[in-house]
Amino acid sequence: MKTKKLTLSAILIALALVLSYIERFIPLEMIFPLPGVKLGLANTVTLFSLFMLDIPCTICILIVRCTMGAMFSGSITSLAFSLAGGLLSMAVMIPASRAPHLSVFGVSVLGASAHSCGQILIAMLLMGSVQVAAYLPYLIVISVFCGIATAVASGSVMRILRKNMKLIGG
């Protein structure tokens, strides 16, 4: 079972890295004219992992994805932003995913919003200015839309997998 989980984790990390790369070609700035806005396609993997695997595995996938993504982009600041956003997002999504009244949509929107908060906190720290926080309300609004898009993608994949697992007796 350990080998199966390790293999699945490696596949999910690779998928998240590919999604991050593909995301660079989506001109989201044309819809939301704010610098640095991304759809968060790789977060579909994190959300999927949170609901389909266990928490330690999900945290490991997140940390490895952020680290490797920063290595590929060659930017230590992108690592700081990714980890801050990702870890704060996980801190919010883990308890939210266990709440009986929240669907994958609620968890995803909360996670996307927390991700934006984490990135603003790092920006304030790196820039030494609280004025960056003025950017947060705009990011939260965008996070709602991006969180919904992430939930649609993750939820669809989870439904298909659950259905197919029942068909094959898994």
Protein backbone atom coordinates (compact mmCIF):
# COMPACT_ATOMS: atom_id res chain seq x y z
CA MET A 1 0.00 0.00 0.00
CA LYS A 2 2.91 2.38 0.70
CA THR A 3 4.25 1.92 -2.82
CA LYS A 4 0.81 2.59 -4.30
CA LYS A 5 0.41 5.81 -2.28
CA LEU A 6 3.95 6.95 -3.13
CA THR A 7 3.36 6.30 -6.83
CA LEU A 8 0.03 8.14 -6.79
CA SER A 9 1.65 11.06 -4.96
CA ALA A 10 4.42 11.26 -7.56
CA ILE A 11 1.85 11.23 -10.37
CA LEU A 12 -0.16 13.97 -8.65
CA ILE A 13 2.96 16.11 -8.14
CA ALA A 14 3.85 15.72 -11.82
CA LEU A 15 0.29 16.60 -12.82
CA ALA A 16 0.31 19.69 -10.60
CA LEU A 17 3.61 20.84 -12.11
CA VAL A 18 2.27 20.37 -15.64
CA LEU A 19 -0.90 22.30 -14.73
CA SER A 20 1.21 25.11 -13.28
CA TYR A 21 3.18 25.29 -16.51
CA ILE A 22 0.05 25.27 -18.68
CA GLU A 23 -1.45 28.00 -16.53
CA ARG A 24 1.27 30.39 -17.68
CA PHE A 25 -0.37 30.44 -21.11
CA ILE A 26 -3.81 31.47 -19.82
CA PRO A 27 -4.03 35.29 -20.05
CA LEU A 28 -6.09 35.80 -16.88
CA GLU A 29 -4.76 39.37 -16.65
CA MET A 30 -7.03 40.22 -19.58
CA ILE A 31 -10.07 39.41 -17.45
CA PHE A 32 -8.66 40.59 -14.11
CA PRO A 33 -6.15 43.38 -14.82
CA LEU A 34 -4.07 42.76 -11.69
CA PRO A 35 -0.44 41.62 -11.65
CA GLY A 36 0.30 38.06 -10.60
CA VAL A 37 -3.27 36.74 -10.79
CA LYS A 38 -3.40 33.02 -11.64
CA LEU A 39 -6.25 30.57 -11.95
CA GLY A 40 -4.61 28.05 -9.64
CA LEU A 41 -4.93 24.96 -11.79
CA ALA A 42 -2.39 23.09 -9.66
CA ASN A 43 -4.69 23.59 -6.70
CA THR A 44 -7.10 21.11 -8.30
CA VAL A 45 -4.54 18.45 -7.43
CA THR A 46 -4.28 19.67 -3.84
CA LEU A 47 -8.06 19.70 -3.46
CA PHE A 48 -8.36 16.26 -5.05
CA SER A 49 -5.67 14.90 -2.75
CA LEU A 50 -7.29 16.40 0.33
CA PHE A 51 -10.57 14.62 -0.38
CA MET A 52 -9.22 11.37 -1.85
CA LEU A 53 -5.99 10.74 0.11
CA ASP A 54 -4.88 11.52 3.65
CA ILE A 55 -3.72 14.81 5.15
CA PRO A 56 0.02 14.02 5.54
CA CYS A 57 0.16 12.87 1.91
CA THR A 58 -1.63 16.04 0.76
CA ILE A 59 0.74 18.30 2.71
CA CYS A 60 3.72 16.45 1.26
CA ILE A 61 2.35 16.80 -2.28
CA LEU A 62 1.84 20.54 -1.70
CA ILE A 63 5.34 21.15 -0.33
CA VAL A 64 7.09 19.13 -3.04
CA ARG A 65 4.99 20.80 -5.77
CA CYS A 66 5.79 24.29 -4.47
CA THR A 67 9.49 23.49 -4.08
CA MET A 68 9.87 21.90 -7.51
CA GLY A 69 7.82 24.66 -9.14
CA ALA A 70 10.16 27.25 -7.66
CA MET A 71 13.19 25.25 -8.82
CA PHE A 72 11.82 25.14 -12.35
CA SER A 73 11.02 28.85 -12.38
CA GLY A 74 14.36 29.70 -10.79
CA SER A 75 12.81 32.03 -8.24
CA ILE A 76 13.23 31.81 -4.48
CA THR A 77 10.56 34.48 -4.03
CA SER A 78 8.06 32.30 -5.91
CA LEU A 79 8.82 29.58 -3.36
CA ALA A 80 8.05 31.97 -0.51
CA PHE A 81 4.78 33.06 -2.11
CA SER A 82 3.75 29.50 -3.06
CA LEU A 83 4.53 27.99 0.32
CA ALA A 84 2.95 30.82 2.30
CA GLY A 85 -0.21 30.70 0.23
CA GLY A 86 -0.30 26.92 0.04
CA LEU A 87 0.32 26.23 3.72
CA LEU A 88 -2.19 28.84 4.90
CA SER A 89 -4.65 27.42 2.40
CA MET A 90 -4.08 23.91 3.81
CA ALA A 91 -4.50 25.20 7.36
CA VAL A 92 -7.96 26.43 6.35
CA MET A 93 -8.98 23.61 4.00
CA ILE A 94 -8.15 20.71 6.32
CA PRO A 95 -10.76 21.58 8.98
CA ALA A 96 -13.15 22.90 6.33
CA SER A 97 -13.00 19.58 4.44
CA ARG A 98 -14.10 17.80 7.60
CA ALA A 99 -17.07 20.11 8.16
CA PRO A 100 -20.26 18.23 7.24
CA HIS A 101 -22.01 21.31 5.82
CA LEU A 102 -19.26 22.32 3.37
CA SER A 103 -18.95 20.87 -0.10
CA VAL A 104 -15.84 20.81 -2.24
CA PHE A 105 -16.95 24.26 -3.48
CA GLY A 106 -16.89 25.83 -0.02
CA VAL A 107 -13.58 24.22 0.84
CA SER A 108 -12.05 25.37 -2.44
CA VAL A 109 -13.22 28.98 -2.13
CA LEU A 110 -11.99 29.15 1.48
CA GLY A 111 -8.65 27.68 0.40
CA ALA A 112 -8.28 30.09 -2.51
CA SER A 113 -9.06 33.04 -0.26
CA ALA A 114 -6.59 31.84 2.38
CA HIS A 115 -3.98 31.39 -0.35
CA SER A 116 -4.38 35.05 -1.31
CA CYS A 117 -4.06 36.08 2.34
CA GLY A 118 -0.85 34.08 2.68
CA GLN A 119 0.61 35.70 -0.39
CA ILE A 120 -0.30 39.18 0.83
CA LEU A 121 1.36 38.42 4.19
CA ILE A 122 4.57 37.39 2.42
CA ALA A 123 4.41 40.46 0.16
CA MET A 124 4.05 42.71 3.21
CA LEU A 125 7.01 40.99 4.85
CA LEU A 126 9.24 41.12 1.77
CA MET A 127 8.32 44.68 0.87
CA GLY A 128 8.26 45.91 4.45
CA SER A 129 4.96 47.68 3.85
CA VAL A 130 1.37 47.15 4.93
CA GLN A 131 0.16 49.10 1.90
CA VAL A 132 0.23 45.86 -0.09
CA ALA A 133 -2.81 44.78 1.96
CA ALA A 134 -4.93 47.21 -0.09
CA TYR A 135 -4.63 44.65 -2.88
CA LEU A 136 -6.28 41.92 -0.75
CA PRO A 137 -9.99 42.74 -1.33
CA TYR A 138 -9.48 42.46 -5.09
CA LEU A 139 -7.63 39.18 -4.67
CA ILE A 140 -10.39 37.77 -2.46
CA VAL A 141 -13.03 38.52 -5.10
CA ILE A 142 -10.89 36.81 -7.74
CA SER A 143 -10.24 33.93 -5.31
CA VAL A 144 -13.96 33.20 -5.17
CA PHE A 145 -14.12 32.74 -8.94
CA CYS A 146 -10.88 30.77 -9.09
CA GLY A 147 -11.95 28.62 -6.12
CA ILE A 148 -15.19 27.75 -7.89
CA ALA A 149 -13.31 26.83 -11.08
CA THR A 150 -10.93 24.63 -9.07
CA ALA A 151 -13.86 22.94 -7.33
CA VAL A 152 -15.61 22.22 -10.62
CA ALA A 153 -12.49 20.53 -12.01
CA SER A 154 -11.65 18.61 -8.82
CA GLY A 155 -15.25 17.64 -8.10
CA SER A 156 -15.73 16.30 -11.62
CA VAL A 157 -12.63 14.13 -11.41
CA MET A 158 -13.60 12.85 -7.95
CA ARG A 159 -17.11 11.93 -9.11
CA ILE A 160 -15.75 10.02 -12.10
CA LEU A 161 -13.16 8.19 -10.00
CA ARG A 162 -15.65 7.27 -7.27
CA LYS A 163 -18.10 5.95 -9.87
CA ASN A 164 -15.40 3.93 -11.66
CA MET A 165 -14.02 2.56 -8.38
CA LYS A 166 -17.48 1.23 -7.54
CA LEU A 167 -17.73 -0.36 -10.99
CA ILE A 168 -14.44 -2.24 -10.58
CA GLY A 169 -15.09 -3.12 -6.95
CA GLY A 170 -12.55 -0.74 -5.40
